[in-house]
Amino acid sequence: MKLILANNQSDQFRDFYAQVSADHDITLDYTDYASLLFHLDTDAETPISVSVTSSGRNLTEYDGIYINGYLNTYEMAAAMAVCAEALGIPYVNHELSNPASLSKLSMYAKLVAAGVRLPNTYAGAAKAILTVEEFSFPAVLKRADADRGIDNFKVYNLQEVQEILSRQSPQSLWVLQAFVPNDGFYLVSYYLEEPAFCIFRTLEERPDGDASKAHMFKPKGGTNATLIDLKDLQPAIEREAKAALLAMDRQIGSVDCLYDPETDKAYILEVNYNPQLVTIETFKEVRTLAFVEAMKRDWHKH
């Protein structure tokens, strides 16, 4: 059975593939990218699972995938190629064999494929996320292609997820991710694959009392930010952050992660390629110095 992915879901196209299947004794499952639901969890027995919600089938039920017509759905196509590669399922076209990541969707697929630890995650179009029937709460629901806390919500039940996503485009990309209890998050910045500095932001009660933003606190001026000596980083943070940078093949980047002291596990939230030298004032001198030193180094080694 072959899976054919495309954007055009008109009756004309669906009828064509149905007729081809009937006339030539082959089974073709023709569906749209928005029907793909990615389940990514490094700690699970099956770290990568992809459901085709339109047919109720799992990706592993197919013996080939034709990733077609992805001009407007590049991220979905890229994530599919990464997952197919990891699961050993043949696919075309191979120009997606090492895709650049443009959102958290393909980023998370790459990280889990490389064995980097994430919180338990569902990802895909809003249309697909709405089919999730069970999840542990509280959780974090965030748009896959947004940053700086935009469209990023702490949610407490499936009803809240449904209320938020029902107001969004069915094709918009989202992530539903388990909330990891924490007292703040770490940002470890790398230049030419070497850690340069680490900033820790404490998680504090928000003055506005917004429960949907209770999982993040980044006040202006960085009043909750502390510079952490790299020698004091937990080994789990060092290990996961470096593995995440390498998995994304980014020589310069900043890795956001959480640390759970009860389990001694670090969880990656994002690998940023932008060192934010201009727009962020917190520890700007440290950031600038790390950038300058990297610009002076020999890049042939990388």
C-alpha atoms as a PDB file:
ATOM      1  CA  MET A   1       0.000   0.000   0.000  1.00  0.00           C
ATOM      2  CA  LYS A   2       1.377   3.399  -1.032  1.00  0.00           C
ATOM      3  CA  LEU A   3       0.604   6.707   0.647  1.00  0.00           C
ATOM      4  CA  ILE A   4       0.329   9.735  -1.636  1.00  0.00           C
ATOM      5  CA  LEU A   5       0.462  13.167   0.007  1.00  0.00           C
ATOM      6  CA  ALA A   6      -0.626  16.358  -1.725  1.00  0.00           C
ATOM      7  CA  ASN A   7      -2.353  19.670  -1.123  1.00  0.00           C
ATOM      8  CA  ASN A   8      -5.034  19.390  -3.780  1.00  0.00           C
ATOM      9  CA  GLN A   9      -7.936  17.429  -2.304  1.00  0.00           C
ATOM     10  CA  SER A  10     -10.558  18.248  -4.919  1.00  0.00           C
ATOM     11  CA  ASP A  11     -13.051  15.551  -5.956  1.00  0.00           C
ATOM     12  CA  GLN A  12     -11.315  15.381  -9.338  1.00  0.00           C
ATOM     13  CA  PHE A  13      -8.002  14.330  -7.774  1.00  0.00           C
ATOM     14  CA  ARG A  14      -9.540  11.936  -5.240  1.00  0.00           C
ATOM     15  CA  ASP A  15     -11.640  10.283  -7.920  1.00  0.00           C
ATOM     16  CA  PHE A  16      -8.600   9.889 -10.191  1.00  0.00           C
ATOM     17  CA  TYR A  17      -6.527   7.996  -7.619  1.00  0.00           C
ATOM     18  CA  ALA A  18      -9.499   5.888  -6.589  1.00  0.00           C
ATOM     19  CA  GLN A  19     -10.021   4.899 -10.233  1.00  0.00           C
ATOM     20  CA  VAL A  20      -6.330   4.138 -10.743  1.00  0.00           C
ATOM     21  CA  SER A  21      -6.412   1.871  -7.681  1.00  0.00           C
ATOM     22  CA  ALA A  22      -9.454   0.018  -8.971  1.00  0.00           C
ATOM     23  CA  ASP A  23      -8.248  -0.333 -12.572  1.00  0.00           C
ATOM     24  CA  HIS A  24      -4.686  -1.443 -11.859  1.00  0.00           C
ATOM     25  CA  ASP A  25      -5.018  -3.635  -8.765  1.00  0.00           C
ATOM     26  CA  ILE A  26      -2.939  -1.393  -6.502  1.00  0.00           C
ATOM     27  CA  THR A  27      -3.858   0.256  -3.233  1.00  0.00           C
ATOM     28  CA  LEU A  28      -3.213   3.998  -3.121  1.00  0.00           C
ATOM     29  CA  ASP A  29      -4.132   6.063  -0.085  1.00  0.00           C
ATOM     30  CA  TYR A  30      -4.406   9.655  -1.285  1.00  0.00           C
ATOM     31  CA  THR A  31      -4.653  12.260   1.464  1.00  0.00           C
ATOM     32  CA  ASP A  32      -3.720  15.795   2.500  1.00  0.00           C
ATOM     33  CA  TYR A  33      -0.868  16.923   4.756  1.00  0.00           C
ATOM     34  CA  ALA A  34      -3.283  18.362   7.322  1.00  0.00           C
ATOM     35  CA  SER A  35      -4.434  14.789   8.074  1.00  0.00           C
ATOM     36  CA  LEU A  36      -1.017  13.805   9.478  1.00  0.00           C
ATOM     37  CA  LEU A  37      -0.693  13.569  13.262  1.00  0.00           C
ATOM     38  CA  PHE A  38       2.871  13.210  14.568  1.00  0.00           C
ATOM     39  CA  HIS A  39       3.449  11.672  18.011  1.00  0.00           C
ATOM     40  CA  LEU A  40       7.000  12.260  19.238  1.00  0.00           C
ATOM     41  CA  ASP A  41       8.281  11.040  22.595  1.00  0.00           C
ATOM     42  CA  THR A  42      11.890   9.989  23.138  1.00  0.00           C
ATOM     43  CA  ASP A  43      11.039   8.136  26.347  1.00  0.00           C
ATOM     44  CA  ALA A  44       8.273   6.059  24.720  1.00  0.00           C
ATOM     45  CA  GLU A  45       8.739   2.501  23.450  1.00  0.00           C
ATOM     46  CA  THR A  46       8.007   3.877  19.963  1.00  0.00           C
ATOM     47  CA  PRO A  47       9.554   7.378  19.898  1.00  0.00           C
ATOM     48  CA  ILE A  48       8.095   8.265  16.480  1.00  0.00           C
ATOM     49  CA  SER A  49       4.564   7.485  15.369  1.00  0.00           C
ATOM     50  CA  VAL A  50       2.592   9.114  12.544  1.00  0.00           C
ATOM     51  CA  SER A  51      -1.145   8.622  12.107  1.00  0.00           C
ATOM     52  CA  VAL A  52      -3.043   9.344   8.903  1.00  0.00           C
ATOM     53  CA  THR A  53      -6.244  10.588  10.527  1.00  0.00           C
ATOM     54  CA  SER A  54      -8.235  10.533   7.277  1.00  0.00           C
ATOM     55  CA  SER A  55      -7.846   6.748   6.998  1.00  0.00           C
ATOM     56  CA  GLY A  56      -7.116   5.716  10.579  1.00  0.00           C
ATOM     57  CA  ARG A  57      -3.883   4.042   9.477  1.00  0.00           C
ATOM     58  CA  ASN A  58      -0.408   4.299  10.944  1.00  0.00           C
ATOM     59  CA  LEU A  59       2.526   5.262   8.733  1.00  0.00           C
ATOM     60  CA  THR A  60       4.115   1.855   9.304  1.00  0.00           C
ATOM     61  CA  GLU A  61       1.239   0.230   7.381  1.00  0.00           C
ATOM     62  CA  TYR A  62       2.572   1.679   4.106  1.00  0.00           C
ATOM     63  CA  ASP A  63       5.393   0.263   2.009  1.00  0.00           C
ATOM     64  CA  GLY A  64       6.084   3.590   0.281  1.00  0.00           C
ATOM     65  CA  ILE A  65       5.300   7.286   0.547  1.00  0.00           C
ATOM     66  CA  TYR A  66       5.056   9.769  -2.317  1.00  0.00           C
ATOM     67  CA  ILE A  67       5.650  13.200  -0.767  1.00  0.00           C
ATOM     68  CA  ASN A  68       4.158  15.353  -3.492  1.00  0.00           C
ATOM     69  CA  GLY A  69       3.045  18.940  -4.056  1.00  0.00           C
ATOM     70  CA  TYR A  70       4.540  20.522  -0.936  1.00  0.00           C
ATOM     71  CA  LEU A  71       5.052  24.109  -2.117  1.00  0.00           C
ATOM     72  CA  ASN A  72       2.732  25.439   0.593  1.00  0.00           C
ATOM     73  CA  THR A  73       3.244  22.619   3.091  1.00  0.00           C
ATOM     74  CA  TYR A  74       7.016  22.336   3.231  1.00  0.00           C
ATOM     75  CA  GLU A  75       7.184  21.799   7.011  1.00  0.00           C
ATOM     76  CA  MET A  76       4.747  18.907   6.898  1.00  0.00           C
ATOM     77  CA  ALA A  77       6.642  17.351   4.002  1.00  0.00           C
ATOM     78  CA  ALA A  78       9.981  17.831   5.765  1.00  0.00           C
ATOM     79  CA  ALA A  79       8.714  16.260   8.995  1.00  0.00           C
ATOM     80  CA  MET A  80       7.256  13.347   7.031  1.00  0.00           C
ATOM     81  CA  ALA A  81      10.589  12.692   5.294  1.00  0.00           C
ATOM     82  CA  VAL A  82      12.468  12.753   8.611  1.00  0.00           C
ATOM     83  CA  CYS A  83       9.994  10.327  10.196  1.00  0.00           C
ATOM     84  CA  ALA A  84       9.926   8.012   7.175  1.00  0.00           C
ATOM     85  CA  GLU A  85      13.731   7.897   7.201  1.00  0.00           C
ATOM     86  CA  ALA A  86      13.780   7.099  10.919  1.00  0.00           C
ATOM     87  CA  LEU A  87      11.124   4.389  10.549  1.00  0.00           C
ATOM     88  CA  GLY A  88      12.793   2.818   7.513  1.00  0.00           C
ATOM     89  CA  ILE A  89       9.875   3.457   5.161  1.00  0.00           C
ATOM     90  CA  PRO A  90      10.844   4.160   1.516  1.00  0.00           C
ATOM     91  CA  TYR A  91       9.813   7.569   0.226  1.00  0.00           C
ATOM     92  CA  VAL A  92      10.267   9.973  -2.646  1.00  0.00           C
ATOM     93  CA  ASN A  93      11.458  12.597  -3.327  1.00  0.00           C
ATOM     94  CA  HIS A  94      14.853  12.426  -1.669  1.00  0.00           C
ATOM     95  CA  GLU A  95      15.498  16.141  -1.952  1.00  0.00           C
ATOM     96  CA  LEU A  96      13.846  16.136   1.486  1.00  0.00           C
ATOM     97  CA  SER A  97      16.426  13.745   2.941  1.00  0.00           C
ATOM     98  CA  ASN A  98      18.093  16.528   4.940  1.00  0.00           C
ATOM     99  CA  PRO A  99      15.553  19.358   5.029  1.00  0.00           C
ATOM    100  CA  ALA A 100      16.166  22.718   6.658  1.00  0.00           C
ATOM    101  CA  SER A 101      13.835  23.138   9.621  1.00  0.00           C
ATOM    102  CA  LEU A 102      11.509  26.143   9.492  1.00  0.00           C
ATOM    103  CA  SER A 103       9.373  25.412  12.551  1.00  0.00           C
ATOM    104  CA  LYS A 104       9.117  23.290  15.678  1.00  0.00           C
ATOM    105  CA  LEU A 105       7.342  20.569  13.689  1.00  0.00           C
ATOM    106  CA  SER A 106      10.301  19.375  11.599  1.00  0.00           C
ATOM    107  CA  MET A 107      12.694  20.419  14.382  1.00  0.00           C
ATOM    108  CA  TYR A 108      11.051  18.068  16.869  1.00  0.00           C
ATOM    109  CA  ALA A 109      10.977  15.281  14.283  1.00  0.00           C
ATOM    110  CA  LYS A 110      14.723  15.705  13.727  1.00  0.00           C
ATOM    111  CA  LEU A 111      15.468  15.794  17.452  1.00  0.00           C
ATOM    112  CA  VAL A 112      13.512  12.652  18.303  1.00  0.00           C
ATOM    113  CA  ALA A 113      14.960  10.842  15.266  1.00  0.00           C
ATOM    114  CA  ALA A 114      18.393  11.600  16.750  1.00  0.00           C
ATOM    115  CA  GLY A 115      17.376  10.356  20.201  1.00  0.00           C
ATOM    116  CA  VAL A 116      17.221  13.808  21.817  1.00  0.00           C
ATOM    117  CA  ARG A 117      14.749  13.976  24.709  1.00  0.00           C
ATOM    118  CA  LEU A 118      11.560  16.031  24.303  1.00  0.00           C
ATOM    119  CA  PRO A 119       8.471  16.208  26.471  1.00  0.00           C
ATOM    120  CA  ASN A 120       5.718  13.925  25.156  1.00  0.00           C
ATOM    121  CA  THR A 121       4.515  15.737  22.008  1.00  0.00           C
ATOM    122  CA  TYR A 122       1.736  15.662  19.441  1.00  0.00           C
ATOM    123  CA  ALA A 123       2.298  17.867  16.394  1.00  0.00           C
ATOM    124  CA  GLY A 124       0.660  18.655  13.079  1.00  0.00           C
ATOM    125  CA  ALA A 125      -2.073  20.796  11.625  1.00  0.00           C
ATOM    126  CA  ALA A 126      -4.862  22.015  13.898  1.00  0.00           C
ATOM    127  CA  LYS A 127      -7.178  19.665  12.012  1.00  0.00           C
ATOM    128  CA  ALA A 128      -5.074  16.678  13.130  1.00  0.00           C
ATOM    129  CA  ILE A 129      -4.419  17.870  16.699  1.00  0.00           C
ATOM    130  CA  LEU A 130      -8.189  18.098  17.203  1.00  0.00           C
ATOM    131  CA  THR A 131      -8.387  14.308  16.785  1.00  0.00           C
ATOM    132  CA  VAL A 132      -6.294  13.675  19.933  1.00  0.00           C
ATOM    133  CA  GLU A 133      -8.601  11.947  22.401  1.00  0.00           C
ATOM    134  CA  GLU A 134      -6.356  11.511  25.429  1.00  0.00           C
ATOM    135  CA  PHE A 135      -3.415  13.418  26.889  1.00  0.00           C
ATOM    136  CA  SER A 136      -1.868  14.224  30.270  1.00  0.00           C
ATOM    137  CA  PHE A 137      -2.606  17.673  31.641  1.00  0.00           C
ATOM    138  CA  PRO A 138      -1.550  20.348  32.303  1.00  0.00           C
ATOM    139  CA  ALA A 139       0.088  20.678  28.897  1.00  0.00           C
ATOM    140  CA  VAL A 140       1.426  23.376  26.604  1.00  0.00           C
ATOM    141  CA  LEU A 141      -0.265  24.177  23.295  1.00  0.00           C
ATOM    142  CA  LYS A 142       1.820  26.331  20.969  1.00  0.00           C
ATOM    143  CA  ARG A 143       1.922  27.297  17.340  1.00  0.00           C
ATOM    144  CA  ALA A 144       4.767  25.447  15.669  1.00  0.00           C
ATOM    145  CA  ASP A 145       5.952  28.396  13.584  1.00  0.00           C
ATOM    146  CA  ALA A 146       5.844  31.081  16.313  1.00  0.00           C
ATOM    147  CA  ASP A 147       8.378  32.218  18.883  1.00  0.00           C
ATOM    148  CA  ARG A 148       8.742  34.669  21.794  1.00  0.00           C
ATOM    149  CA  GLY A 149       5.659  33.247  23.482  1.00  0.00           C
ATOM    150  CA  ILE A 150       3.267  34.120  20.658  1.00  0.00           C
ATOM    151  CA  ASP A 151       0.279  31.723  20.507  1.00  0.00           C
ATOM    152  CA  ASN A 152       1.745  29.722  23.375  1.00  0.00           C
ATOM    153  CA  PHE A 153      -0.711  28.565  26.058  1.00  0.00           C
ATOM    154  CA  LYS A 154      -0.734  26.419  29.175  1.00  0.00           C
ATOM    155  CA  VAL A 155      -3.864  24.294  28.912  1.00  0.00           C
ATOM    156  CA  TYR A 156      -5.572  22.172  31.537  1.00  0.00           C
ATOM    157  CA  ASN A 157      -7.902  19.877  29.567  1.00  0.00           C
ATOM    158  CA  LEU A 158      -8.843  18.822  26.033  1.00  0.00           C
ATOM    159  CA  GLN A 159     -11.763  21.234  25.995  1.00  0.00           C
ATOM    160  CA  GLU A 160      -9.358  24.190  26.211  1.00  0.00           C
ATOM    161  CA  VAL A 161      -7.292  22.702  23.370  1.00  0.00           C
ATOM    162  CA  GLN A 162     -10.418  22.383  21.238  1.00  0.00           C
ATOM    163  CA  GLU A 163     -11.580  25.920  22.056  1.00  0.00           C
ATOM    164  CA  ILE A 164      -8.247  27.435  21.015  1.00  0.00           C
ATOM    165  CA  LEU A 165      -7.804  25.376  17.856  1.00  0.00           C
ATOM    166  CA  SER A 166     -11.389  25.829  16.714  1.00  0.00           C
ATOM    167  CA  ARG A 167     -10.545  29.515  16.180  1.00  0.00           C
ATOM    168  CA  GLN A 168      -7.504  28.712  14.039  1.00  0.00           C
ATOM    169  CA  SER A 169      -7.070  27.736  10.410  1.00  0.00           C
ATOM    170  CA  PRO A 170      -7.380  23.921  10.100  1.00  0.00           C
ATOM    171  CA  GLN A 171      -4.045  23.940   8.201  1.00  0.00           C
ATOM    172  CA  SER A 172      -2.125  25.992  10.797  1.00  0.00           C
ATOM    173  CA  LEU A 173       0.693  24.067  12.530  1.00  0.00           C
ATOM    174  CA  TRP A 174       0.512  23.358  16.267  1.00  0.00           C
ATOM    175  CA  VAL A 175       2.249  21.405  19.004  1.00  0.00           C
ATOM    176  CA  LEU A 176       0.587  19.852  22.063  1.00  0.00           C
ATOM    177  CA  GLN A 177       3.327  19.094  24.569  1.00  0.00           C
ATOM    178  CA  ALA A 178       3.395  17.662  28.084  1.00  0.00           C
ATOM    179  CA  PHE A 179       4.175  20.236  30.772  1.00  0.00           C
ATOM    180  CA  VAL A 180       7.393  19.408  32.610  1.00  0.00           C
ATOM    181  CA  PRO A 181       7.353  20.752  36.205  1.00  0.00           C
ATOM    182  CA  ASN A 182      10.209  23.220  36.554  1.00  0.00           C
ATOM    183  CA  ASP A 183      11.462  26.305  38.338  1.00  0.00           C
ATOM    184  CA  GLY A 184      12.700  27.948  35.146  1.00  0.00           C
ATOM    185  CA  PHE A 185      14.416  27.224  31.842  1.00  0.00           C
ATOM    186  CA  TYR A 186      17.993  27.186  30.616  1.00  0.00           C
ATOM    187  CA  LEU A 187      19.328  28.760  27.442  1.00  0.00           C
ATOM    188  CA  VAL A 188      22.689  27.312  26.439  1.00  0.00           C
ATOM    189  CA  SER A 189      24.365  29.196  23.587  1.00  0.00           C
ATOM    190  CA  TYR A 190      26.879  27.592  21.257  1.00  0.00           C
ATOM    191  CA  TYR A 191      29.364  29.092  18.833  1.00  0.00           C
ATOM    192  CA  LEU A 192      31.024  26.694  16.395  1.00  0.00           C
ATOM    193  CA  GLU A 193      29.565  23.809  18.428  1.00  0.00           C
ATOM    194  CA  GLU A 194      31.215  24.913  21.671  1.00  0.00           C
ATOM    195  CA  PRO A 195      29.156  26.191  24.646  1.00  0.00           C
ATOM    196  CA  ALA A 196      29.836  29.886  25.175  1.00  0.00           C
ATOM    197  CA  PHE A 197      27.442  30.854  27.983  1.00  0.00           C
ATOM    198  CA  CYS A 198      24.237  29.805  29.733  1.00  0.00           C
ATOM    199  CA  ILE A 199      21.356  31.943  30.977  1.00  0.00           C
ATOM    200  CA  PHE A 200      18.755  30.683  33.444  1.00  0.00           C
ATOM    201  CA  ARG A 201      15.356  32.349  33.769  1.00  0.00           C
ATOM    202  CA  THR A 202      13.406  31.550  36.918  1.00  0.00           C
ATOM    203  CA  LEU A 203       9.719  30.716  36.638  1.00  0.00           C
ATOM    204  CA  GLU A 204       7.850  33.185  38.831  1.00  0.00           C
ATOM    205  CA  GLU A 205       4.244  34.099  39.470  1.00  0.00           C
ATOM    206  CA  ARG A 206       3.054  36.468  36.789  1.00  0.00           C
ATOM    207  CA  PRO A 207       1.857  39.902  37.930  1.00  0.00           C
ATOM    208  CA  ASP A 208      -1.064  39.655  35.491  1.00  0.00           C
ATOM    209  CA  GLY A 209      -2.171  36.284  36.901  1.00  0.00           C
ATOM    210  CA  ASP A 210      -2.707  34.882  33.399  1.00  0.00           C
ATOM    211  CA  ALA A 211      -3.107  31.113  33.902  1.00  0.00           C
ATOM    212  CA  SER A 212      -2.620  30.457  30.175  1.00  0.00           C
ATOM    213  CA  LYS A 213       0.879  31.983  30.415  1.00  0.00           C
ATOM    214  CA  ALA A 214       1.792  30.540  33.818  1.00  0.00           C
ATOM    215  CA  HIS A 215       4.468  28.321  32.254  1.00  0.00           C
ATOM    216  CA  MET A 216       6.599  31.249  31.065  1.00  0.00           C
ATOM    217  CA  PHE A 217       7.881  34.512  32.513  1.00  0.00           C
ATOM    218  CA  LYS A 218      10.218  36.782  30.544  1.00  0.00           C
ATOM    219  CA  PRO A 219       9.857  40.301  32.001  1.00  0.00           C
ATOM    220  CA  LYS A 220      11.368  43.268  30.234  1.00  0.00           C
ATOM    221  CA  GLY A 221      14.943  43.864  31.285  1.00  0.00           C
ATOM    222  CA  GLY A 222      15.532  40.218  32.186  1.00  0.00           C
ATOM    223  CA  THR A 223      14.977  40.724  35.917  1.00  0.00           C
ATOM    224  CA  ASN A 224      14.580  36.961  36.379  1.00  0.00           C
ATOM    225  CA  ALA A 225      17.669  36.044  34.335  1.00  0.00           C
ATOM    226  CA  THR A 226      20.935  34.773  35.800  1.00  0.00           C
ATOM    227  CA  LEU A 227      24.207  33.949  34.091  1.00  0.00           C
ATOM    228  CA  ILE A 228      25.178  30.359  34.956  1.00  0.00           C
ATOM    229  CA  ASP A 229      28.786  29.205  35.008  1.00  0.00           C
ATOM    230  CA  LEU A 230      29.104  26.435  32.425  1.00  0.00           C
ATOM    231  CA  LYS A 231      31.002  24.340  34.980  1.00  0.00           C
ATOM    232  CA  ASP A 232      27.870  24.294  37.143  1.00  0.00           C
ATOM    233  CA  LEU A 233      25.550  22.899  34.466  1.00  0.00           C
ATOM    234  CA  GLN A 234      23.991  19.522  35.181  1.00  0.00           C
ATOM    235  CA  PRO A 235      25.535  16.828  32.914  1.00  0.00           C
ATOM    236  CA  ALA A 236      22.053  15.969  31.602  1.00  0.00           C
ATOM    237  CA  ILE A 237      21.607  19.557  30.366  1.00  0.00           C
ATOM    238  CA  GLU A 238      25.047  19.599  28.740  1.00  0.00           C
ATOM    239  CA  ARG A 239      24.407  16.252  27.073  1.00  0.00           C
ATOM    240  CA  GLU A 240      20.928  16.955  25.675  1.00  0.00           C
ATOM    241  CA  ALA A 241      21.663  20.535  24.610  1.00  0.00           C
ATOM    242  CA  LYS A 242      24.795  19.545  22.662  1.00  0.00           C
ATOM    243  CA  ALA A 243      23.013  16.572  21.106  1.00  0.00           C
ATOM    244  CA  ALA A 244      20.161  18.859  20.039  1.00  0.00           C
ATOM    245  CA  LEU A 245      22.524  21.341  18.385  1.00  0.00           C
ATOM    246  CA  LEU A 246      24.287  18.556  16.478  1.00  0.00           C
ATOM    247  CA  ALA A 247      21.001  16.945  15.451  1.00  0.00           C
ATOM    248  CA  MET A 248      19.957  20.222  13.828  1.00  0.00           C
ATOM    249  CA  ASP A 249      23.421  20.599  12.218  1.00  0.00           C
ATOM    250  CA  ARG A 250      23.678  24.121  13.589  1.00  0.00           C
ATOM    251  CA  GLN A 251      27.156  25.286  14.475  1.00  0.00           C
ATOM    252  CA  ILE A 252      25.780  28.498  16.045  1.00  0.00           C
ATOM    253  CA  GLY A 253      22.611  28.281  18.094  1.00  0.00           C
ATOM    254  CA  SER A 254      20.913  28.668  21.459  1.00  0.00           C
ATOM    255  CA  VAL A 255      19.181  25.689  23.024  1.00  0.00           C
ATOM    256  CA  ASP A 256      16.183  26.189  25.336  1.00  0.00           C
ATOM    257  CA  CYS A 257      15.712  23.336  27.788  1.00  0.00           C
ATOM    258  CA  LEU A 258      14.107  22.303  31.075  1.00  0.00           C
ATOM    259  CA  TYR A 259      15.638  20.196  33.818  1.00  0.00           C
ATOM    260  CA  ASP A 260      13.744  17.865  36.146  1.00  0.00           C
ATOM    261  CA  PRO A 261      15.901  17.234  39.244  1.00  0.00           C
ATOM    262  CA  GLU A 262      13.662  14.379  40.425  1.00  0.00           C
ATOM    263  CA  THR A 263      14.459  12.299  37.340  1.00  0.00           C
ATOM    264  CA  ASP A 264      17.768  13.973  36.441  1.00  0.00           C
ATOM    265  CA  LYS A 265      16.481  14.444  32.886  1.00  0.00           C
ATOM    266  CA  ALA A 266      16.744  17.454  30.581  1.00  0.00           C
ATOM    267  CA  TYR A 267      14.051  18.184  27.989  1.00  0.00           C
ATOM    268  CA  ILE A 268      14.696  20.259  24.874  1.00  0.00           C
ATOM    269  CA  LEU A 269      12.149  22.938  23.982  1.00  0.00           C
ATOM    270  CA  GLU A 270      13.810  24.613  21.019  1.00  0.00           C
ATOM    271  CA  VAL A 271      17.075  25.051  19.129  1.00  0.00           C
ATOM    272  CA  ASN A 272      17.291  28.695  18.046  1.00  0.00           C
ATOM    273  CA  TYR A 273      19.617  29.594  15.177  1.00  0.00           C
ATOM    274  CA  ASN A 274      19.375  33.322  15.932  1.00  0.00           C
ATOM    275  CA  PRO A 275      21.709  34.444  18.749  1.00  0.00           C
ATOM    276  CA  GLN A 276      19.564  37.614  19.205  1.00  0.00           C
ATOM    277  CA  LEU A 277      22.497  39.975  19.473  1.00  0.00           C
ATOM    278  CA  VAL A 278      20.544  43.114  18.668  1.00  0.00           C
ATOM    279  CA  THR A 279      17.020  42.658  20.031  1.00  0.00           C
ATOM    280  CA  ILE A 280      17.811  41.195  23.484  1.00  0.00           C
ATOM    281  CA  GLU A 281      19.517  43.438  26.048  1.00  0.00           C
ATOM    282  CA  THR A 282      19.967  40.815  28.788  1.00  0.00           C
ATOM    283  CA  PHE A 283      23.710  40.060  29.172  1.00  0.00           C
ATOM    284  CA  LYS A 284      24.324  41.747  25.823  1.00  0.00           C
ATOM    285  CA  GLU A 285      28.051  42.189  26.460  1.00  0.00           C
ATOM    286  CA  VAL A 286      28.444  38.449  27.090  1.00  0.00           C
ATOM    287  CA  ARG A 287      26.500  37.632  23.940  1.00  0.00           C
ATOM    288  CA  THR A 288      28.483  40.073  21.832  1.00  0.00           C
ATOM    289  CA  LEU A 289      31.847  38.865  23.114  1.00  0.00           C
ATOM    290  CA  ALA A 290      30.960  35.243  22.339  1.00  0.00           C
ATOM    291  CA  PHE A 291      29.947  36.287  18.816  1.00  0.00           C
ATOM    292  CA  VAL A 292      33.156  38.284  18.251  1.00  0.00           C
ATOM    293  CA  GLU A 293      35.368  35.452  19.474  1.00  0.00           C
ATOM    294  CA  ALA A 294      33.594  33.010  17.152  1.00  0.00           C
ATOM    295  CA  MET A 295      34.028  35.348  14.178  1.00  0.00           C
ATOM    296  CA  LYS A 296      37.783  35.379  14.817  1.00  0.00           C
ATOM    297  CA  ARG A 297      38.118  31.593  14.963  1.00  0.00           C
ATOM    298  CA  ASP A 298      39.075  29.253  12.149  1.00  0.00           C
ATOM    299  CA  TRP A 299      35.912  27.953  10.466  1.00  0.00           C
ATOM    300  CA  HIS A 300      37.668  25.270   8.401  1.00  0.00           C
ATOM    301  CA  LYS A 301      37.348  22.907  11.372  1.00  0.00           C
ATOM    302  CA  HIS A 302      33.583  23.101  11.116  1.00  0.00           C
END
